Amino acid sequence: MQVKEIVHSLGLQVFSGEENLEKEVTGGIISDILSDVMAQASKGRLWVTNQTHENVVAIVFFKSLAAVILPGGLQPDEEAATKAREKKLPVLLTNLSAFEIVGKLYEIGIGKSD
């Protein structure tokens, strides 16, 4: 499933990276611990986090993640926003809680075993 399909299905707001919404999503990860994401996330994953600083953008770029979702009405801080736009990385926003958005992602098939 492509990022743009998830955006449409779940009514997510695209903050940045509109040019890269055709990336394939290979699964998901939810964590606020950056070292956990560095160790466990792989290319194409969708990351749900409450972290909003520029290190999040660096990890999305370094790990070639498909996108990051900021739940609960969070917005990236100024430095993160600038870096995400420069690198054209998909940062997606929702007012749903992390728990709710992960449940909805699972319902549409993200994270289910084949």
PDB file of N, CA and C in Angstrom:
ATOM      1  N   MET A   1       0.847  -1.175   0.000  1.00  0.00           N
ATOM      2  CA  MET A   1       0.000   0.000   0.000  1.00  0.00           C
ATOM      3  C   MET A   1       0.895   1.242   0.000  1.00  0.00           C
ATOM      4  N   GLN A   2       0.516   2.233  -0.768  1.00  0.00           N
ATOM      5  CA  GLN A   2       1.290   3.461  -0.843  1.00  0.00           C
ATOM      6  C   GLN A   2       0.867   4.451   0.250  1.00  0.00           C
ATOM      7  N   VAL A   3       1.797   5.339   0.595  1.00  0.00           N
ATOM      8  CA  VAL A   3       1.524   6.357   1.607  1.00  0.00           C
ATOM      9  C   VAL A   3       0.267   7.142   1.245  1.00  0.00           C
ATOM     10  N   LYS A   4       0.114   7.519  -0.020  1.00  0.00           N
ATOM     11  CA  LYS A   4      -1.046   8.330  -0.425  1.00  0.00           C
ATOM     12  C   LYS A   4      -2.364   7.605  -0.177  1.00  0.00           C
ATOM     13  N   GLU A   5      -2.379   6.280  -0.292  1.00  0.00           N
ATOM     14  CA  GLU A   5      -3.594   5.512  -0.018  1.00  0.00           C
ATOM     15  C   GLU A   5      -3.937   5.556   1.470  1.00  0.00           C
ATOM     16  N   ILE A   6      -2.913   5.511   2.302  1.00  0.00           N
ATOM     17  CA  ILE A   6      -3.117   5.585   3.750  1.00  0.00           C
ATOM     18  C   ILE A   6      -3.622   6.973   4.129  1.00  0.00           C
ATOM     19  N   VAL A   7      -3.031   8.000   3.539  1.00  0.00           N
ATOM     20  CA  VAL A   7      -3.475   9.378   3.781  1.00  0.00           C
ATOM     21  C   VAL A   7      -4.953   9.502   3.459  1.00  0.00           C
ATOM     22  N   HIS A   8      -5.349   8.990   2.305  1.00  0.00           N
ATOM     23  CA  HIS A   8      -6.750   9.078   1.872  1.00  0.00           C
ATOM     24  C   HIS A   8      -7.669   8.246   2.776  1.00  0.00           C
ATOM     25  N   SER A   9      -7.274   7.012   3.062  1.00  0.00           N
ATOM     26  CA  SER A   9      -8.116   6.112   3.865  1.00  0.00           C
ATOM     27  C   SER A   9      -8.363   6.619   5.278  1.00  0.00           C
ATOM     28  N   LEU A  10      -7.341   7.239   5.859  1.00  0.00           N
ATOM     29  CA  LEU A  10      -7.428   7.634   7.267  1.00  0.00           C
ATOM     30  C   LEU A  10      -7.616   9.134   7.468  1.00  0.00           C
ATOM     31  N   GLY A  11      -7.702   9.880   6.386  1.00  0.00           N
ATOM     32  CA  GLY A  11      -7.920  11.323   6.494  1.00  0.00           C
ATOM     33  C   GLY A  11      -6.776  12.061   7.158  1.00  0.00           C
ATOM     34  N   LEU A  12      -5.548  11.643   6.863  1.00  0.00           N
ATOM     35  CA  LEU A  12      -4.384  12.286   7.457  1.00  0.00           C
ATOM     36  C   LEU A  12      -4.071  13.592   6.743  1.00  0.00           C
ATOM     37  N   GLN A  13      -3.474  14.519   7.469  1.00  0.00           N
ATOM     38  CA  GLN A  13      -3.033  15.785   6.886  1.00  0.00           C
ATOM     39  C   GLN A  13      -1.575  15.632   6.467  1.00  0.00           C
ATOM     40  N   VAL A  14      -1.251  16.035   5.254  1.00  0.00           N
ATOM     41  CA  VAL A  14       0.128  15.985   4.771  1.00  0.00           C
ATOM     42  C   VAL A  14       0.801  17.307   5.126  1.00  0.00           C
ATOM     43  N   PHE A  15       1.770  17.245   6.026  1.00  0.00           N
ATOM     44  CA  PHE A  15       2.512  18.435   6.442  1.00  0.00           C
ATOM     45  C   PHE A  15       3.648  18.734   5.469  1.00  0.00           C
ATOM     46  N   SER A  16       4.322  17.676   5.026  1.00  0.00           N
ATOM     47  CA  SER A  16       5.440  17.830   4.088  1.00  0.00           C
ATOM     48  C   SER A  16       5.594  16.547   3.287  1.00  0.00           C
ATOM     49  N   GLY A  17       6.381  16.633   2.221  1.00  0.00           N
ATOM     50  CA  GLY A  17       6.686  15.449   1.428  1.00  0.00           C
ATOM     51  C   GLY A  17       5.615  15.034   0.449  1.00  0.00           C
ATOM     52  N   GLU A  18       4.785  15.979   0.015  1.00  0.00           N
ATOM     53  CA  GLU A  18       3.717  15.664  -0.941  1.00  0.00           C
ATOM     54  C   GLU A  18       4.267  14.973  -2.183  1.00  0.00           C
ATOM     55  N   GLU A  19       5.528  15.274  -2.521  1.00  0.00           N
ATOM     56  CA  GLU A  19       6.161  14.707  -3.709  1.00  0.00           C
ATOM     57  C   GLU A  19       6.483  13.225  -3.555  1.00  0.00           C
ATOM     58  N   ASN A  20       6.460  12.722  -2.334  1.00  0.00           N
ATOM     59  CA  ASN A  20       6.894  11.348  -2.074  1.00  0.00           C
ATOM     60  C   ASN A  20       5.812  10.470  -1.459  1.00  0.00           C
ATOM     61  N   LEU A  21       4.578  10.727  -1.779  1.00  0.00           N
ATOM     62  CA  LEU A  21       3.482   9.936  -1.212  1.00  0.00           C
ATOM     63  C   LEU A  21       3.252   8.625  -1.950  1.00  0.00           C
ATOM     64  N   GLU A  22       4.030   8.360  -2.987  1.00  0.00           N
ATOM     65  CA  GLU A  22       3.874   7.104  -3.714  1.00  0.00           C
ATOM     66  C   GLU A  22       4.788   6.013  -3.172  1.00  0.00           C
ATOM     67  N   LYS A  23       5.482   6.294  -2.093  1.00  0.00           N
ATOM     68  CA  LYS A  23       6.336   5.283  -1.462  1.00  0.00           C
ATOM     69  C   LYS A  23       5.480   4.126  -0.965  1.00  0.00           C
ATOM     70  N   GLU A  24       6.007   2.915  -1.121  1.00  0.00           N
ATOM     71  CA  GLU A  24       5.329   1.723  -0.622  1.00  0.00           C
ATOM     72  C   GLU A  24       5.592   1.568   0.876  1.00  0.00           C
ATOM     73  N   VAL A  25       4.539   1.278   1.611  1.00  0.00           N
ATOM     74  CA  VAL A  25       4.643   1.040   3.051  1.00  0.00           C
ATOM     75  C   VAL A  25       4.763  -0.463   3.268  1.00  0.00           C
ATOM     76  N   THR A  26       5.831  -0.873   3.950  1.00  0.00           N
ATOM     77  CA  THR A  26       6.107  -2.293   4.164  1.00  0.00           C
ATOM     78  C   THR A  26       5.720  -2.776   5.556  1.00  0.00           C
ATOM     79  N   GLY A  27       5.266  -1.880   6.400  1.00  0.00           N
ATOM     80  CA  GLY A  27       4.901  -2.227   7.767  1.00  0.00           C
ATOM     81  C   GLY A  27       4.947  -0.982   8.622  1.00  0.00           C
ATOM     82  N   GLY A  28       4.922  -1.168   9.920  1.00  0.00           N
ATOM     83  CA  GLY A  28       4.901  -0.015  10.796  1.00  0.00           C
ATOM     84  C   GLY A  28       5.710  -0.221  12.052  1.00  0.00           C
ATOM     85  N   ILE A  29       5.974   0.884  12.717  1.00  0.00           N
ATOM     86  CA  ILE A  29       6.625   0.866  14.020  1.00  0.00           C
ATOM     87  C   ILE A  29       6.070   2.032  14.823  1.00  0.00           C
ATOM     88  N   ILE A  30       5.837   1.800  16.107  1.00  0.00           N
ATOM     89  CA  ILE A  30       5.414   2.876  16.999  1.00  0.00           C
ATOM     90  C   ILE A  30       6.382   2.901  18.168  1.00  0.00           C
ATOM     91  N   SER A  31       7.027   4.046  18.339  1.00  0.00           N
ATOM     92  CA  SER A  31       7.972   4.204  19.436  1.00  0.00           C
ATOM     93  C   SER A  31       8.349   5.667  19.564  1.00  0.00           C
ATOM     94  N   ASP A  32       8.600   6.078  20.799  1.00  0.00           N
ATOM     95  CA  ASP A  32       9.134   7.405  21.067  1.00  0.00           C
ATOM     96  C   ASP A  32      10.610   7.324  21.447  1.00  0.00           C
ATOM     97  N   ILE A  33      11.152   6.118  21.443  1.00  0.00           N
ATOM     98  CA  ILE A  33      12.559   5.916  21.786  1.00  0.00           C
ATOM     99  C   ILE A  33      13.349   5.816  20.486  1.00  0.00           C
ATOM    100  N   LEU A  34      14.132   6.835  20.200  1.00  0.00           N
ATOM    101  CA  LEU A  34      14.816   6.924  18.915  1.00  0.00           C
ATOM    102  C   LEU A  34      15.761   5.760  18.669  1.00  0.00           C
ATOM    103  N   SER A  35      16.459   5.307  19.700  1.00  0.00           N
ATOM    104  CA  SER A  35      17.379   4.180  19.519  1.00  0.00           C
ATOM    105  C   SER A  35      16.622   2.905  19.164  1.00  0.00           C
ATOM    106  N   ASP A  36      15.409   2.759  19.653  1.00  0.00           N
ATOM    107  CA  ASP A  36      14.566   1.616  19.308  1.00  0.00           C
ATOM    108  C   ASP A  36      14.225   1.642  17.821  1.00  0.00           C
ATOM    109  N   VAL A  37      13.859   2.800  17.321  1.00  0.00           N
ATOM    110  CA  VAL A  37      13.527   2.941  15.902  1.00  0.00           C
ATOM    111  C   VAL A  37      14.772   2.697  15.050  1.00  0.00           C
ATOM    112  N   MET A  38      15.907   3.220  15.469  1.00  0.00           N
ATOM    113  CA  MET A  38      17.153   2.988  14.726  1.00  0.00           C
ATOM    114  C   MET A  38      17.473   1.499  14.649  1.00  0.00           C
ATOM    115  N   ALA A  39      17.223   0.777  15.723  1.00  0.00           N
ATOM    116  CA  ALA A  39      17.557  -0.645  15.769  1.00  0.00           C
ATOM    117  C   ALA A  39      16.540  -1.518  15.039  1.00  0.00           C
ATOM    118  N   GLN A  40      15.259  -1.150  15.073  1.00  0.00           N
ATOM    119  CA  GLN A  40      14.230  -2.066  14.592  1.00  0.00           C
ATOM    120  C   GLN A  40      13.529  -1.669  13.302  1.00  0.00           C
ATOM    121  N   ALA A  41      13.525  -0.407  12.954  1.00  0.00           N
ATOM    122  CA  ALA A  41      12.803   0.023  11.752  1.00  0.00           C
ATOM    123  C   ALA A  41      13.617  -0.311  10.510  1.00  0.00           C
ATOM    124  N   SER A  42      12.910  -0.632   9.447  1.00  0.00           N
ATOM    125  CA  SER A  42      13.574  -0.914   8.181  1.00  0.00           C
ATOM    126  C   SER A  42      12.922  -0.101   7.067  1.00  0.00           C
ATOM    127  N   LYS A  43      13.565  -0.093   5.933  1.00  0.00           N
ATOM    128  CA  LYS A  43      13.115   0.687   4.780  1.00  0.00           C
ATOM    129  C   LYS A  43      11.630   0.440   4.502  1.00  0.00           C
ATOM    130  N   GLY A  44      10.919   1.539   4.260  1.00  0.00           N
ATOM    131  CA  GLY A  44       9.513   1.442   3.887  1.00  0.00           C
ATOM    132  C   GLY A  44       8.533   1.414   5.046  1.00  0.00           C
ATOM    133  N   ARG A  45       9.032   1.411   6.265  1.00  0.00           N
ATOM    134  CA  ARG A  45       8.130   1.381   7.425  1.00  0.00           C
ATOM    135  C   ARG A  45       7.471   2.738   7.642  1.00  0.00           C
ATOM    136  N   LEU A  46       6.325   2.704   8.268  1.00  0.00           N
ATOM    137  CA  LEU A  46       5.585   3.895   8.677  1.00  0.00           C
ATOM    138  C   LEU A  46       5.787   4.030  10.181  1.00  0.00           C
ATOM    139  N   TRP A  47       6.250   5.178  10.638  1.00  0.00           N
ATOM    140  CA  TRP A  47       6.598   5.383  12.044  1.00  0.00           C
ATOM    141  C   TRP A  47       5.589   6.316  12.693  1.00  0.00           C
ATOM    142  N   VAL A  48       5.009   5.876  13.806  1.00  0.00           N
ATOM    143  CA  VAL A  48       4.111   6.703  14.613  1.00  0.00           C
ATOM    144  C   VAL A  48       4.877   7.094  15.877  1.00  0.00           C
ATOM    145  N   THR A  49       4.987   8.402  16.121  1.00  0.00           N
ATOM    146  CA  THR A  49       5.733   8.882  17.285  1.00  0.00           C
ATOM    147  C   THR A  49       5.170  10.204  17.788  1.00  0.00           C
ATOM    148  N   ASN A  50       5.364  10.446  19.073  1.00  0.00           N
ATOM    149  CA  ASN A  50       5.015  11.730  19.687  1.00  0.00           C
ATOM    150  C   ASN A  50       6.194  12.698  19.669  1.00  0.00           C
ATOM    151  N   GLN A  51       7.340  12.240  19.208  1.00  0.00           N
ATOM    152  CA  GLN A  51       8.519  13.104  19.127  1.00  0.00           C
ATOM    153  C   GLN A  51       8.356  14.066  17.957  1.00  0.00           C
ATOM    154  N   THR A  52       8.731  15.315  18.143  1.00  0.00           N
ATOM    155  CA  THR A  52       8.511  16.326  17.106  1.00  0.00           C
ATOM    156  C   THR A  52       9.777  17.096  16.725  1.00  0.00           C
ATOM    157  N   HIS A  53      10.933  16.656  17.184  1.00  0.00           N
ATOM    158  CA  HIS A  53      12.174  17.395  16.935  1.00  0.00           C
ATOM    159  C   HIS A  53      12.891  16.895  15.677  1.00  0.00           C
ATOM    160  N   GLU A  54      13.952  17.598  15.297  1.00  0.00           N
ATOM    161  CA  GLU A  54      14.613  17.315  14.029  1.00  0.00           C
ATOM    162  C   GLU A  54      15.291  15.951  13.963  1.00  0.00           C
ATOM    163  N   ASN A  55      15.584  15.318  15.094  1.00  0.00           N
ATOM    164  CA  ASN A  55      16.174  13.981  15.056  1.00  0.00           C
ATOM    165  C   ASN A  55      15.218  12.964  14.437  1.00  0.00           C
ATOM    166  N   VAL A  56      13.925  13.206  14.562  1.00  0.00           N
ATOM    167  CA  VAL A  56      12.930  12.337  13.928  1.00  0.00           C
ATOM    168  C   VAL A  56      13.121  12.370  12.412  1.00  0.00           C
ATOM    169  N   VAL A  57      13.278  13.551  11.870  1.00  0.00           N
ATOM    170  CA  VAL A  57      13.473  13.705  10.423  1.00  0.00           C
ATOM    171  C   VAL A  57      14.763  13.016   9.985  1.00  0.00           C
ATOM    172  N   ALA A  58      15.811  13.144  10.779  1.00  0.00           N
ATOM    173  CA  ALA A  58      17.085  12.498  10.452  1.00  0.00           C
ATOM    174  C   ALA A  58      16.925  10.984  10.381  1.00  0.00           C
ATOM    175  N   ILE A  59      16.168  10.414  11.313  1.00  0.00           N
ATOM    176  CA  ILE A  59      15.966   8.965  11.315  1.00  0.00           C
ATOM    177  C   ILE A  59      15.118   8.532  10.124  1.00  0.00           C
ATOM    178  N   VAL A  60      14.065   9.273   9.816  1.00  0.00           N
ATOM    179  CA  VAL A  60      13.234   8.947   8.647  1.00  0.00           C
ATOM    180  C   VAL A  60      14.110   8.915   7.398  1.00  0.00           C
ATOM    181  N   PHE A  61      14.987   9.900   7.260  1.00  0.00           N
ATOM    182  CA  PHE A  61      15.877   9.975   6.103  1.00  0.00           C
ATOM    183  C   PHE A  61      16.892   8.835   6.114  1.00  0.00           C
ATOM    184  N   PHE A  62      17.588   8.660   7.226  1.00  0.00           N
ATOM    185  CA  PHE A  62      18.656   7.666   7.336  1.00  0.00           C
ATOM    186  C   PHE A  62      18.142   6.244   7.142  1.00  0.00           C
ATOM    187  N   LYS A  63      16.981   5.936   7.699  1.00  0.00           N
ATOM    188  CA  LYS A  63      16.425   4.576   7.631  1.00  0.00           C
ATOM    189  C   LYS A  63      15.534   4.362   6.399  1.00  0.00           C
ATOM    190  N   SER A  64      15.363   5.389   5.576  1.00  0.00           N
ATOM    191  CA  SER A  64      14.505   5.319   4.372  1.00  0.00           C
ATOM    192  C   SER A  64      13.087   4.872   4.714  1.00  0.00           C
ATOM    193  N   LEU A  65      12.540   5.466   5.778  1.00  0.00           N
ATOM    194  CA  LEU A  65      11.171   5.147   6.166  1.00  0.00           C
ATOM    195  C   LEU A  65      10.207   5.780   5.175  1.00  0.00           C
ATOM    196  N   ALA A  66       9.039   5.176   5.016  1.00  0.00           N
ATOM    197  CA  ALA A  66       8.053   5.683   4.058  1.00  0.00           C
ATOM    198  C   ALA A  66       7.479   7.018   4.517  1.00  0.00           C
ATOM    199  N   ALA A  67       7.238   7.150   5.818  1.00  0.00           N
ATOM    200  CA  ALA A  67       6.642   8.375   6.366  1.00  0.00           C
ATOM    201  C   ALA A  67       6.654   8.294   7.882  1.00  0.00           C
ATOM    202  N   VAL A  68       6.383   9.429   8.502  1.00  0.00           N
ATOM    203  CA  VAL A  68       6.190   9.495   9.948  1.00  0.00           C
ATOM    204  C   VAL A  68       4.831  10.128  10.203  1.00  0.00           C
ATOM    205  N   ILE A  69       4.115   9.596  11.189  1.00  0.00           N
ATOM    206  CA  ILE A  69       2.821  10.147  11.599  1.00  0.00           C
ATOM    207  C   ILE A  69       2.972  10.727  12.998  1.00  0.00           C
ATOM    208  N   LEU A  70       2.572  11.988  13.138  1.00  0.00           N
ATOM    209  CA  LEU A  70       2.530  12.638  14.450  1.00  0.00           C
ATOM    210  C   LEU A  70       1.076  12.653  14.900  1.00  0.00           C
ATOM    211  N   PRO A  71       0.751  11.927  15.976  1.00  0.00           N
ATOM    212  CA  PRO A  71      -0.633  11.832  16.440  1.00  0.00           C
ATOM    213  C   PRO A  71      -1.002  12.953  17.404  1.00  0.00           C
ATOM    214  N   GLY A  72      -2.246  12.938  17.842  1.00  0.00           N
ATOM    215  CA  GLY A  72      -2.699  13.821  18.913  1.00  0.00           C
ATOM    216  C   GLY A  72      -2.642  15.298  18.603  1.00  0.00           C
ATOM    217  N   GLY A  73      -2.681  15.664  17.331  1.00  0.00           N
ATOM    218  CA  GLY A  73      -2.631  17.076  16.966  1.00  0.00           C
ATOM    219  C   GLY A  73      -1.248  17.697  17.050  1.00  0.00           C
ATOM    220  N   LEU A  74      -0.222  16.870  17.216  1.00  0.00           N
ATOM    221  CA  LEU A  74       1.148  17.387  17.302  1.00  0.00           C
ATOM    222  C   LEU A  74       1.606  17.942  15.960  1.00  0.00           C
ATOM    223  N   GLN A  75       2.530  18.882  16.025  1.00  0.00           N
ATOM    224  CA  GLN A  75       3.158  19.482  14.849  1.00  0.00           C
ATOM    225  C   GLN A  75       4.670  19.357  15.021  1.00  0.00           C
ATOM    226  N   PRO A  76       5.408  19.197  13.930  1.00  0.00           N
ATOM    227  CA  PRO A  76       6.867  19.181  14.071  1.00  0.00           C
ATOM    228  C   PRO A  76       7.364  20.550  14.530  1.00  0.00           C
ATOM    229  N   ASP A  77       8.441  20.546  15.323  1.00  0.00           N
ATOM    230  CA  ASP A  77       8.992  21.842  15.723  1.00  0.00           C
ATOM    231  C   ASP A  77       9.632  22.519  14.505  1.00  0.00           C
ATOM    232  N   GLU A  78      10.054  23.753  14.681  1.00  0.00           N
ATOM    233  CA  GLU A  78      10.517  24.565  13.553  1.00  0.00           C
ATOM    234  C   GLU A  78      11.678  23.922  12.793  1.00  0.00           C
ATOM    235  N   GLU A  79      12.664  23.411  13.524  1.00  0.00           N
ATOM    236  CA  GLU A  79      13.822  22.788  12.876  1.00  0.00           C
ATOM    237  C   GLU A  79      13.417  21.528  12.122  1.00  0.00           C
ATOM    238  N   ALA A  80      12.567  20.716  12.730  1.00  0.00           N
ATOM    239  CA  ALA A  80      12.099  19.488  12.077  1.00  0.00           C
ATOM    240  C   ALA A  80      11.296  19.817  10.825  1.00  0.00           C
ATOM    241  N   ALA A  81      10.448  20.822  10.910  1.00  0.00           N
ATOM    242  CA  ALA A  81       9.632  21.221   9.762  1.00  0.00           C
ATOM    243  C   ALA A  81      10.513  21.660   8.599  1.00  0.00           C
ATOM    244  N   THR A  82      11.519  22.458   8.901  1.00  0.00           N
ATOM    245  CA  THR A  82      12.426  22.939   7.856  1.00  0.00           C
ATOM    246  C   THR A  82      13.153  21.780   7.195  1.00  0.00           C
ATOM    247  N   LYS A  83      13.702  20.871   7.995  1.00  0.00           N
ATOM    248  CA  LYS A  83      14.446  19.722   7.459  1.00  0.00           C
ATOM    249  C   LYS A  83      13.535  18.794   6.660  1.00  0.00           C
ATOM    250  N   ALA A  84      12.338  18.536   7.152  1.00  0.00           N
ATOM    251  CA  ALA A  84      11.409  17.647   6.445  1.00  0.00           C
ATOM    252  C   ALA A  84      11.052  18.219   5.079  1.00  0.00           C
ATOM    253  N   ARG A  85      10.831  19.511   5.029  1.00  0.00           N
ATOM    254  CA  ARG A  85      10.494  20.154   3.745  1.00  0.00           C
ATOM    255  C   ARG A  85      11.696  20.153   2.799  1.00  0.00           C
ATOM    256  N   GLU A  86      12.881  20.416   3.334  1.00  0.00           N
ATOM    257  CA  GLU A  86      14.095  20.402   2.506  1.00  0.00           C
ATOM    258  C   GLU A  86      14.321  19.032   1.881  1.00  0.00           C
ATOM    259  N   LYS A  87      14.129  17.991   2.672  1.00  0.00           N
ATOM    260  CA  LYS A  87      14.388  16.626   2.213  1.00  0.00           C
ATOM    261  C   LYS A  87      13.162  15.974   1.568  1.00  0.00           C
ATOM    262  N   LYS A  88      12.040  16.707   1.554  1.00  0.00           N
ATOM    263  CA  LYS A  88      10.790  16.232   0.945  1.00  0.00           C
ATOM    264  C   LYS A  88      10.324  14.911   1.562  1.00  0.00           C
ATOM    265  N   LEU A  89      10.437  14.835   2.889  1.00  0.00           N
ATOM    266  CA  LEU A  89      10.036  13.632   3.615  1.00  0.00           C
ATOM    267  C   LEU A  89       8.586  13.739   4.056  1.00  0.00           C
ATOM    268  N   PRO A  90       7.796  12.683   3.848  1.00  0.00           N
ATOM    269  CA  PRO A  90       6.397  12.719   4.268  1.00  0.00           C
ATOM    270  C   PRO A  90       6.239  12.744   5.792  1.00  0.00           C
ATOM    271  N   VAL A  91       5.727  13.853   6.280  1.00  0.00           N
ATOM    272  CA  VAL A  91       5.324  13.988   7.676  1.00  0.00           C
ATOM    273  C   VAL A  91       3.811  14.150   7.648  1.00  0.00           C
ATOM    274  N   LEU A  92       3.124  13.232   8.316  1.00  0.00           N
ATOM    275  CA  LEU A  92       1.666  13.192   8.305  1.00  0.00           C
ATOM    276  C   LEU A  92       1.139  13.513   9.693  1.00  0.00           C
ATOM    277  N   LEU A  93       0.017  14.206   9.744  1.00  0.00           N
ATOM    278  CA  LEU A  93      -0.554  14.644  11.016  1.00  0.00           C
ATOM    279  C   LEU A  93      -1.963  14.101  11.186  1.00  0.00           C
ATOM    280  N   THR A  94      -2.325  13.852  12.454  1.00  0.00           N
ATOM    281  CA  THR A  94      -3.682  13.439  12.788  1.00  0.00           C
ATOM    282  C   THR A  94      -4.027  13.931  14.187  1.00  0.00           C
ATOM    283  N   ASN A  95      -5.304  14.162  14.414  1.00  0.00           N
ATOM    284  CA  ASN A  95      -5.771  14.507  15.761  1.00  0.00           C
ATOM    285  C   ASN A  95      -6.050  13.265  16.593  1.00  0.00           C
ATOM    286  N   LEU A  96      -6.054  12.097  15.959  1.00  0.00           N
ATOM    287  CA  LEU A  96      -6.265  10.855  16.696  1.00  0.00           C
ATOM    288  C   LEU A  96      -5.077  10.583  17.613  1.00  0.00           C
ATOM    289  N   SER A  97      -5.321   9.855  18.696  1.00  0.00           N
ATOM    290  CA  SER A  97      -4.225   9.454  19.580  1.00  0.00           C
ATOM    291  C   SER A  97      -3.356   8.417  18.868  1.00  0.00           C
ATOM    292  N   ALA A  98      -2.168   8.192  19.390  1.00  0.00           N
ATOM    293  CA  ALA A  98      -1.286   7.169  18.825  1.00  0.00           C
ATOM    294  C   ALA A  98      -1.975   5.808  18.846  1.00  0.00           C
ATOM    295  N   PHE A  99      -2.653   5.494  19.926  1.00  0.00           N
ATOM    296  CA  PHE A  99      -3.359   4.222  20.054  1.00  0.00           C
ATOM    297  C   PHE A  99      -4.409   4.075  18.959  1.00  0.00           C
ATOM    298  N   GLU A 100      -5.197   5.137  18.756  1.00  0.00           N
ATOM    299  CA  GLU A 100      -6.260   5.093  17.748  1.00  0.00           C
ATOM    300  C   GLU A 100      -5.706   4.967  16.332  1.00  0.00           C
ATOM    301  N   ILE A 101      -4.680   5.722  16.000  1.00  0.00           N
ATOM    302  CA  ILE A 101      -4.165   5.680  14.631  1.00  0.00           C
ATOM    303  C   ILE A 101      -3.498   4.343  14.340  1.00  0.00           C
ATOM    304  N   VAL A 102      -2.816   3.766  15.313  1.00  0.00           N
ATOM    305  CA  VAL A 102      -2.212   2.452  15.101  1.00  0.00           C
ATOM    306  C   VAL A 102      -3.302   1.403  14.884  1.00  0.00           C
ATOM    307  N   GLY A 103      -4.387   1.489  15.637  1.00  0.00           N
ATOM    308  CA  GLY A 103      -5.508   0.568  15.428  1.00  0.00           C
ATOM    309  C   GLY A 103      -6.082   0.691  14.031  1.00  0.00           C
ATOM    310  N   LYS A 104      -6.231   1.910  13.555  1.00  0.00           N
ATOM    311  CA  LYS A 104      -6.768   2.137  12.206  1.00  0.00           C
ATOM    312  C   LYS A 104      -5.793   1.652  11.136  1.00  0.00           C
ATOM    313  N   LEU A 105      -4.503   1.841  11.361  1.00  0.00           N
ATOM    314  CA  LEU A 105      -3.508   1.322  10.420  1.00  0.00           C
ATOM    315  C   LEU A 105      -3.603  -0.197  10.332  1.00  0.00           C
ATOM    316  N   TYR A 106      -3.758  -0.840  11.470  1.00  0.00           N
ATOM    317  CA  TYR A 106      -3.886  -2.298  11.488  1.00  0.00           C
ATOM    318  C   TYR A 106      -5.147  -2.739  10.741  1.00  0.00           C
ATOM    319  N   GLU A 107      -6.235  -2.010  10.938  1.00  0.00           N
ATOM    320  CA  GLU A 107      -7.495  -2.343  10.262  1.00  0.00           C
ATOM    321  C   GLU A 107      -7.372  -2.304   8.743  1.00  0.00           C
ATOM    322  N   ILE A 108      -6.538  -1.410   8.214  1.00  0.00           N
ATOM    323  CA  ILE A 108      -6.394  -1.334   6.757  1.00  0.00           C
ATOM    324  C   ILE A 108      -5.242  -2.202   6.238  1.00  0.00           C
ATOM    325  N   GLY A 109      -4.646  -2.993   7.130  1.00  0.00           N
ATOM    326  CA  GLY A 109      -3.670  -3.982   6.692  1.00  0.00           C
ATOM    327  C   GLY A 109      -2.217  -3.682   6.974  1.00  0.00           C
ATOM    328  N   ILE A 110      -1.919  -2.555   7.584  1.00  0.00           N
ATOM    329  CA  ILE A 110      -0.522  -2.242   7.899  1.00  0.00           C
ATOM    330  C   ILE A 110      -0.142  -2.980   9.178  1.00  0.00           C
ATOM    331  N   GLY A 111       0.850  -3.841   9.072  1.00  0.00           N
ATOM    332  CA  GLY A 111       1.322  -4.586  10.229  1.00  0.00           C
ATOM    333  C   GLY A 111       0.779  -5.993  10.340  1.00  0.00           C
ATOM    334  N   LYS A 112      -0.181  -6.350   9.500  1.00  0.00           N
ATOM    335  CA  LYS A 112      -0.708  -7.713   9.534  1.00  0.00           C
ATOM    336  C   LYS A 112       0.247  -8.645   8.811  1.00  0.00           C
ATOM    337  N   SER A 113       0.400  -9.842   9.347  1.00  0.00           N
ATOM    338  CA  SER A 113       1.248 -10.849   8.702  1.00  0.00           C
ATOM    339  C   SER A 113       0.522 -11.428   7.500  1.00  0.00           C
ATOM    340  N   ASP A 114       1.299 -11.750   6.482  1.00  0.00           N
ATOM    341  CA  ASP A 114       0.704 -12.353   5.282  1.00  0.00           C
ATOM    342  C   ASP A 114       0.443 -13.832   5.481  1.00  0.00           C
TER     343      ASP A 114
END
